C-alpha atoms as a PDB file:
ATOM      1  CA  MET A   1      88.619 118.020  60.502  1.00  0.00           C
ATOM      2  CA  VAL A   2      91.261 117.939  63.224  1.00  0.00           C
ATOM      3  CA  ALA A   3      94.831 117.067  62.270  1.00  0.00           C
ATOM      4  CA  ASP A   4      96.350 114.147  64.162  1.00  0.00           C
ATOM      5  CA  ASP A   5      99.261 116.254  65.461  1.00  0.00           C
ATOM      6  CA  GLU A   6      96.819 118.858  66.831  1.00  0.00           C
ATOM      7  CA  ARG A   7      94.852 116.094  68.562  1.00  0.00           C
ATOM      8  CA  GLU A   8      98.050 114.567  69.972  1.00  0.00           C
ATOM      9  CA  ARG A   9      99.177 117.951  71.349  1.00  0.00           C
ATOM     10  CA  ALA A  10      95.775 118.507  72.970  1.00  0.00           C
ATOM     11  CA  TRP A  11      95.796 115.057  74.577  1.00  0.00           C
ATOM     12  CA  GLY A  12      99.411 115.628  75.696  1.00  0.00           C
ATOM     13  CA  THR A  13      98.306 118.770  77.515  1.00  0.00           C
ATOM     14  CA  VAL A  14      95.498 116.828  79.211  1.00  0.00           C
ATOM     15  CA  HIS A  15      97.916 114.096  80.287  1.00  0.00           C
ATOM     16  CA  ASP A  16     100.370 116.704  81.624  1.00  0.00           C
ATOM     17  CA  ALA A  17      97.595 118.251  83.735  1.00  0.00           C
ATOM     18  CA  ILE A  18      96.274 114.913  85.009  1.00  0.00           C
ATOM     19  CA  ALA A  19      99.811 113.765  85.906  1.00  0.00           C
ATOM     20  CA  GLN A  20      99.659 116.318  88.742  1.00  0.00           C
ATOM     21  CA  MET A  21      96.590 114.534  90.134  1.00  0.00           C
ATOM     22  CA  PRO A  22      97.497 111.018  91.340  1.00  0.00           C
ATOM     23  CA  GLY A  23      94.613 108.568  91.185  1.00  0.00           C
ATOM     24  CA  TRP A  24      92.807 110.397  88.381  1.00  0.00           C
ATOM     25  CA  ALA A  25      92.108 109.090  84.874  1.00  0.00           C
ATOM     26  CA  VAL A  26      90.619 110.560  81.695  1.00  0.00           C
ATOM     27  CA  GLY A  27      88.000 108.911  79.539  1.00  0.00           C
ATOM     28  CA  PRO A  28      87.533 109.219  75.789  1.00  0.00           C
ATOM     29  CA  CYS A  29      86.215 112.293  74.001  1.00  0.00           C
ATOM     30  CA  THR A  30      82.626 111.700  72.945  1.00  0.00           C
ATOM     31  CA  TYR A  31      80.371 113.675  70.636  1.00  0.00           C
ATOM     32  CA  HIS A  32      76.807 114.384  71.740  1.00  0.00           C
ATOM     33  CA  GLY A  33      74.889 115.252  68.598  1.00  0.00           C
ATOM     34  CA  GLU A  34      71.718 116.317  70.399  1.00  0.00           C
ATOM     35  CA  VAL A  35      73.599 119.317  71.851  1.00  0.00           C
ATOM     36  CA  ALA A  36      76.349 119.468  69.190  1.00  0.00           C
ATOM     37  CA  LEU A  37      79.122 119.314  71.802  1.00  0.00           C
ATOM     38  CA  TRP A  38      82.133 117.164  72.526  1.00  0.00           C
ATOM     39  CA  HIS A  39      82.662 116.031  76.135  1.00  0.00           C
ATOM     40  CA  VAL A  40      85.651 114.546  77.932  1.00  0.00           C
ATOM     41  CA  THR A  41      85.673 113.615  81.618  1.00  0.00           C
ATOM     42  CA  ALA A  42      88.397 113.114  84.207  1.00  0.00           C
ATOM     43  CA  ILE A  43      87.467 111.039  87.252  1.00  0.00           C
ATOM     44  CA  ASP A  44      89.066 110.418  90.617  1.00  0.00           C
ATOM     45  CA  LEU A  45      89.557 106.649  90.861  1.00  0.00           C
ATOM     46  CA  ARG A  46      91.021 106.602  94.367  1.00  0.00           C
ATOM     47  CA  PRO A  47      89.215 104.247  96.739  1.00  0.00           C
ATOM     48  CA  ARG A  48      86.320 105.835  98.590  1.00  0.00           C
ATOM     49  CA  GLY A  49      83.740 104.769 101.090  1.00  0.00           C
ATOM     50  CA  ARG A  50      81.040 102.373 100.042  1.00  0.00           C
ATOM     51  CA  TYR A  51      78.469 104.997  99.068  1.00  0.00           C
ATOM     52  CA  ALA A  52      80.747 107.949  98.365  1.00  0.00           C
ATOM     53  CA  LYS A  53      80.410 109.650  95.007  1.00  0.00           C
ATOM     54  CA  ARG A  54      83.522 109.950  92.891  1.00  0.00           C
ATOM     55  CA  GLU A  55      84.629 113.420  91.892  1.00  0.00           C
ATOM     56  CA  ALA A  56      84.473 114.026  88.150  1.00  0.00           C
ATOM     57  CA  ILE A  57      85.353 117.015  86.001  1.00  0.00           C
ATOM     58  CA  THR A  58      83.983 117.376  82.466  1.00  0.00           C
ATOM     59  CA  GLY A  59      85.194 119.664  79.714  1.00  0.00           C
ATOM     60  CA  ALA A  60      82.926 120.480  76.782  1.00  0.00           C
ATOM     61  CA  GLY A  61      83.414 122.264  73.487  1.00  0.00           C
ATOM     62  CA  ALA A  62      82.209 122.589  69.926  1.00  0.00           C
ATOM     63  CA  THR A  63      85.220 120.548  68.777  1.00  0.00           C
ATOM     64  CA  GLU A  64      87.240 117.741  70.316  1.00  0.00           C
ATOM     65  CA  ILE A  65      90.187 120.134  70.745  1.00  0.00           C
ATOM     66  CA  GLU A  66      87.999 122.718  72.506  1.00  0.00           C
ATOM     67  CA  ALA A  67      86.644 120.062  74.886  1.00  0.00           C
ATOM     68  CA  LEU A  68      90.168 118.906  75.747  1.00  0.00           C
ATOM     69  CA  GLY A  69      91.261 122.520  76.299  1.00  0.00           C
ATOM     70  CA  ALA A  70      88.261 123.170  78.539  1.00  0.00           C
ATOM     71  CA  LEU A  71      89.101 120.096  80.603  1.00  0.00           C
ATOM     72  CA  VAL A  72      92.708 121.259  81.044  1.00  0.00           C
ATOM     73  CA  GLU A  73      91.495 124.671  82.251  1.00  0.00           C
ATOM     74  CA  LEU A  74      89.148 123.043  84.760  1.00  0.00           C
ATOM     75  CA  LEU A  75      91.819 120.633  86.029  1.00  0.00           C
ATOM     76  CA  GLU A  76      94.331 123.461  86.459  1.00  0.00           C
ATOM     77  CA  ALA A  77      91.742 125.615  88.260  1.00  0.00           C
ATOM     78  CA  ARG A  78      91.010 122.737  90.639  1.00  0.00           C
ATOM     79  CA  GLN A  79      94.704 122.326  91.407  1.00  0.00           C
ATOM     80  CA  ILE A  80      95.072 126.061  92.098  1.00  0.00           C
ATOM     81  CA  ARG A  81      92.024 126.100  94.422  1.00  0.00           C
ATOM     82  CA  ARG A  82      93.353 123.109  96.364  1.00  0.00           C
ATOM     83  CA  ALA A  83      96.808 124.689  96.695  1.00  0.00           C
ATOM     84  CA  ILE A  84      95.312 127.946  97.987  1.00  0.00           C
ATOM     85  CA  ARG A  85      93.139 126.064 100.493  1.00  0.00           C
ATOM     86  CA  ALA A  86      96.217 124.197 101.710  1.00  0.00           C
ATOM     87  CA  GLY A  87      98.113 127.474 102.114  1.00  0.00           C
ATOM     88  CA  ARG A  88     100.544 126.715  99.299  1.00  0.00           C
ATOM     89  CA  ASN A  89     101.556 129.072  96.541  1.00  0.00           C
ATOM     90  CA  PRO A  90     100.001 127.744  93.321  1.00  0.00           C
END
């Protein structure tokens, strides 16, 4: 069982990471029993062309906290890659 303060800290870390990505939002954590994993997805909600696919990033883990942590790592890695491509120091 996850303590509420641990869950709040994990979600706070997700919200801190997503705050650096304007136009993005995070969905709820969901448990998928068939694979015994929790998933949480961030999605780019900025307007796109009519048939353009939205970018989404999904974190997964054995617990809700692990899934949130995985998502944070993926979001931070994306930000670093984009900064390097733009010639900025991450």
